Amino acid sequence: MHVAIAGNIGAGKTTLTSLLAKQFKWEAQYEDVLENPYLEDFYNEMARWSFNLQIFFLNSRFRQLMDIRESGKDVVQDRTIYEDAYIFAPNLHAMGLMTHRDFKNYQSLFELMENVTQPPDLLIYLRSSIPNLVSQIQKRGREYENSISIDYLTRLNERYEAWIQSYVAGNLLIIDVDDYEFVDSKEDLGEIINKIDAKLNGLF
């Protein structure tokens, strides 16, 4: 079983990944944020480091998918390879922060990877308003995220919504995280777990 959690910066992916891993006894696969040597440089100088950053994430995510397939374990994954390819890289290209040459190179690499990987059994999309994202980003206090603008988050949200509307690769569950306090409320977490159970067991 491969469950993946998608969503904008600050939507609660890592937190929900941990909670679901504990609940279902799944192995958690996290995003390589702390291990990414380009992240801080990227937020300080986006145009210079965008391609390096995205290639690192693409490589890391592809390795995760290979490991998931080979392990045969039940896994919940924090962020997907699709988000890099359909949200972040195209957004940087559209903003003029990634050159057309680099973007075409990136797309070519992703297409090769996509041909040899399988989509998750269930994709969970955490939909969030911009005020909620800003609140969560401020709450976790990562210094390098201080320069993230509301415009940048808004652009990402728009791309997420467009991608999710066209997602047909597999089973999909959308959770409006503004409506849930799944960290502090056992009832809210229980409701989300019930929704996931229903999707995985084909009740709806």
Protein backbone atom coordinates (compact mmCIF):
# COMPACT_ATOMS: atom_id res chain seq x y z
CA MET A 1 0.00 0.00 0.00
CA HIS A 2 1.38 3.38 -1.05
CA VAL A 3 -0.44 6.47 0.25
CA ALA A 4 0.93 9.91 -0.65
CA ILE A 5 0.05 13.29 0.84
CA ALA A 6 0.09 16.39 -1.36
CA GLY A 7 -0.40 20.03 -0.49
CA ASN A 8 1.06 23.51 -0.44
CA ILE A 9 3.81 24.71 1.91
CA GLY A 10 2.38 24.72 5.43
CA ALA A 11 -0.72 22.62 4.63
CA GLY A 12 0.18 19.98 7.26
CA LYS A 13 1.61 17.18 5.12
CA THR A 14 4.43 16.16 7.47
CA THR A 15 2.20 16.26 10.54
CA LEU A 16 -0.52 14.15 8.91
CA THR A 17 2.11 11.74 7.53
CA SER A 18 3.34 11.10 11.10
CA LEU A 19 -0.18 10.68 12.50
CA LEU A 20 -1.25 8.25 9.76
CA ALA A 21 1.96 6.24 10.04
CA LYS A 22 1.24 5.78 13.74
CA GLN A 23 -2.46 5.00 13.22
CA PHE A 24 -2.13 2.49 10.37
CA LYS A 25 1.36 1.14 11.24
CA TRP A 26 2.67 2.42 7.91
CA GLU A 27 6.27 3.35 7.25
CA ALA A 28 6.64 7.13 6.84
CA GLN A 29 8.71 8.59 4.00
CA TYR A 30 9.46 12.28 4.55
CA GLU A 31 10.56 15.07 2.26
CA ASP A 32 14.31 15.77 2.32
CA VAL A 33 13.92 19.36 3.50
CA LEU A 34 16.70 19.41 6.09
CA GLU A 35 19.01 17.40 3.83
CA ASN A 36 18.53 19.66 0.81
CA PRO A 37 21.75 21.68 0.41
CA TYR A 38 20.06 24.22 -1.91
CA LEU A 39 16.95 25.20 0.04
CA GLU A 40 18.29 28.15 2.05
CA ASP A 41 20.21 29.47 -0.98
CA PHE A 42 17.07 29.12 -3.08
CA TYR A 43 14.92 31.26 -0.80
CA ASN A 44 17.65 33.93 -0.76
CA GLU A 45 18.27 33.88 -4.54
CA MET A 46 15.52 31.97 -6.34
CA ALA A 47 16.59 32.54 -9.94
CA ARG A 48 20.14 31.33 -9.29
CA TRP A 49 19.23 28.15 -7.41
CA SER A 50 15.80 27.09 -8.72
CA PHE A 51 17.05 24.43 -11.15
CA ASN A 52 19.49 22.94 -8.62
CA LEU A 53 16.78 22.80 -5.97
CA GLN A 54 14.21 21.15 -8.22
CA ILE A 55 16.67 18.58 -9.55
CA PHE A 56 17.60 17.64 -5.98
CA PHE A 57 13.93 17.17 -5.05
CA LEU A 58 13.20 15.24 -8.26
CA ASN A 59 16.11 12.88 -7.64
CA SER A 60 15.17 12.44 -3.97
CA ARG A 61 11.52 11.71 -4.77
CA PHE A 62 12.42 9.25 -7.52
CA ARG A 63 14.71 7.37 -5.14
CA GLN A 64 11.87 7.25 -2.61
CA LEU A 65 9.55 5.71 -5.19
CA MET A 66 12.14 3.10 -6.11
CA ASP A 67 12.62 2.27 -2.41
CA ILE A 68 8.86 2.04 -1.85
CA ARG A 69 8.47 -0.38 -4.74
CA GLU A 70 11.41 -2.56 -3.68
CA SER A 71 10.51 -2.66 0.02
CA GLY A 72 7.01 -4.09 -0.47
CA LYS A 73 5.99 -2.25 2.73
CA ASP A 74 2.91 -0.15 3.41
CA VAL A 75 4.15 3.43 3.09
CA VAL A 76 2.76 6.93 3.60
CA GLN A 77 4.76 9.53 1.69
CA ASP A 78 5.11 13.22 2.51
CA ARG A 79 4.74 15.04 -0.87
CA THR A 80 4.84 13.47 -4.34
CA ILE A 81 7.02 13.59 -7.40
CA TYR A 82 4.04 15.08 -9.29
CA GLU A 83 4.07 18.23 -7.20
CA ASP A 84 7.65 18.98 -8.20
CA ALA A 85 6.81 18.48 -11.87
CA TYR A 86 3.32 20.02 -12.09
CA ILE A 87 3.45 22.70 -9.39
CA PHE A 88 6.86 23.96 -8.30
CA ALA A 89 9.03 23.75 -11.43
CA PRO A 90 6.35 25.17 -13.80
CA ASN A 91 5.64 27.95 -11.31
CA LEU A 92 9.31 28.94 -11.14
CA HIS A 93 9.48 28.87 -14.95
CA ALA A 94 6.34 31.01 -15.26
CA MET A 95 7.72 33.53 -12.75
CA GLY A 96 10.92 33.85 -14.77
CA LEU A 97 12.93 32.20 -12.00
CA MET A 98 13.91 29.14 -14.08
CA THR A 99 15.19 29.50 -17.63
CA HIS A 100 13.32 27.88 -20.51
CA ARG A 101 16.37 25.70 -21.23
CA ASP A 102 16.54 24.42 -17.65
CA PHE A 103 12.80 23.84 -17.51
CA LYS A 104 12.81 21.73 -20.71
CA ASN A 105 15.71 19.70 -19.31
CA TYR A 106 13.79 19.21 -16.06
CA GLN A 107 10.62 18.15 -17.90
CA SER A 108 12.56 15.62 -19.95
CA LEU A 109 14.01 14.04 -16.79
CA PHE A 110 10.60 13.87 -15.12
CA GLU A 111 8.99 12.21 -18.16
CA LEU A 112 11.65 9.49 -18.09
CA MET A 113 11.04 8.92 -14.39
CA GLU A 114 7.27 8.92 -14.76
CA ASN A 115 7.51 6.13 -17.35
CA VAL A 116 9.06 3.76 -14.83
CA THR A 117 7.09 4.66 -11.70
CA GLN A 118 3.57 3.92 -10.52
CA PRO A 119 1.12 6.41 -8.96
CA PRO A 120 0.18 5.96 -5.28
CA ASP A 121 -2.75 3.73 -4.37
CA LEU A 122 -4.29 6.78 -2.73
CA LEU A 123 -3.40 10.46 -3.12
CA ILE A 124 -4.55 12.69 -0.25
CA TYR A 125 -4.67 16.38 -1.18
CA LEU A 126 -4.64 18.84 1.72
CA ARG A 127 -6.51 21.89 0.45
CA SER A 128 -5.81 25.05 2.45
CA SER A 129 -6.59 28.77 2.37
CA ILE A 130 -3.70 31.23 2.17
CA PRO A 131 -4.29 32.64 5.70
CA ASN A 132 -4.08 29.13 7.14
CA LEU A 133 -0.85 28.41 5.23
CA VAL A 134 0.71 31.67 6.45
CA SER A 135 -0.31 30.90 10.03
CA GLN A 136 1.21 27.41 9.91
CA ILE A 137 4.44 28.61 8.26
CA GLN A 138 4.87 31.30 10.94
CA LYS A 139 4.07 28.79 13.69
CA ARG A 140 6.84 26.36 12.71
CA GLY A 141 9.36 29.20 12.46
CA ARG A 142 11.77 27.99 9.79
CA GLU A 143 14.04 30.97 9.18
CA TYR A 144 14.53 30.31 5.46
CA GLU A 145 10.74 30.40 4.94
CA ASN A 146 10.46 33.99 6.18
CA SER A 147 10.95 35.31 2.65
CA ILE A 148 8.02 33.33 1.17
CA SER A 149 5.49 35.83 -0.17
CA ILE A 150 1.70 35.59 -0.18
CA ASP A 151 1.86 35.99 -3.97
CA TYR A 152 4.13 32.93 -4.22
CA LEU A 153 1.81 30.83 -2.02
CA THR A 154 -1.22 32.02 -4.04
CA ARG A 155 0.40 31.02 -7.33
CA LEU A 156 1.19 27.58 -5.90
CA ASN A 157 -2.37 27.16 -4.60
CA GLU A 158 -3.77 27.96 -8.06
CA ARG A 159 -1.50 25.35 -9.65
CA TYR A 160 -2.43 22.77 -7.01
CA GLU A 161 -6.12 23.27 -7.71
CA ALA A 162 -5.61 22.98 -11.48
CA TRP A 163 -3.53 19.80 -11.05
CA ILE A 164 -6.01 18.16 -8.68
CA GLN A 165 -8.93 18.92 -11.01
CA SER A 166 -7.14 17.00 -13.78
CA TYR A 167 -5.68 14.19 -11.62
CA VAL A 168 -6.75 10.81 -13.03
CA ALA A 169 -3.72 8.64 -12.15
CA GLY A 170 -5.46 6.94 -9.24
CA ASN A 171 -7.64 7.15 -6.14
CA LEU A 172 -7.98 10.69 -4.72
CA LEU A 173 -9.17 12.09 -1.38
CA ILE A 174 -9.44 15.87 -0.87
CA ILE A 175 -9.34 17.19 2.70
CA ASP A 176 -10.12 20.86 3.40
CA VAL A 177 -7.66 21.39 6.25
CA ASP A 178 -9.23 24.73 7.26
CA ASP A 179 -12.14 22.63 8.57
CA TYR A 180 -10.03 20.26 10.68
CA GLU A 181 -7.81 20.55 13.74
CA PHE A 182 -6.33 17.08 13.30
CA VAL A 183 -3.36 17.82 15.57
CA ASP A 184 -5.36 18.86 18.64
CA SER A 185 -8.71 17.17 18.01
CA LYS A 186 -9.01 13.38 18.16
CA GLU A 187 -12.50 13.69 16.67
CA ASP A 188 -11.21 15.58 13.64
CA LEU A 189 -8.35 13.11 13.15
CA GLY A 190 -10.82 10.24 13.53
CA GLU A 191 -13.01 11.71 10.81
CA ILE A 192 -10.04 11.94 8.44
CA ILE A 193 -9.00 8.37 9.27
CA ASN A 194 -12.55 7.18 8.51
CA LYS A 195 -12.45 8.94 5.13
CA ILE A 196 -9.12 7.27 4.31
CA ASP A 197 -10.43 3.87 5.43
CA ALA A 198 -13.46 4.28 3.19
CA LYS A 199 -11.30 5.18 0.18
CA LEU A 200 -8.85 2.33 0.70
CA ASN A 201 -11.52 -0.27 1.35
CA GLY A 202 -13.78 0.83 -1.49
CA LEU A 203 -16.85 1.67 0.55
CA PHE A 204 -17.61 4.73 -1.59
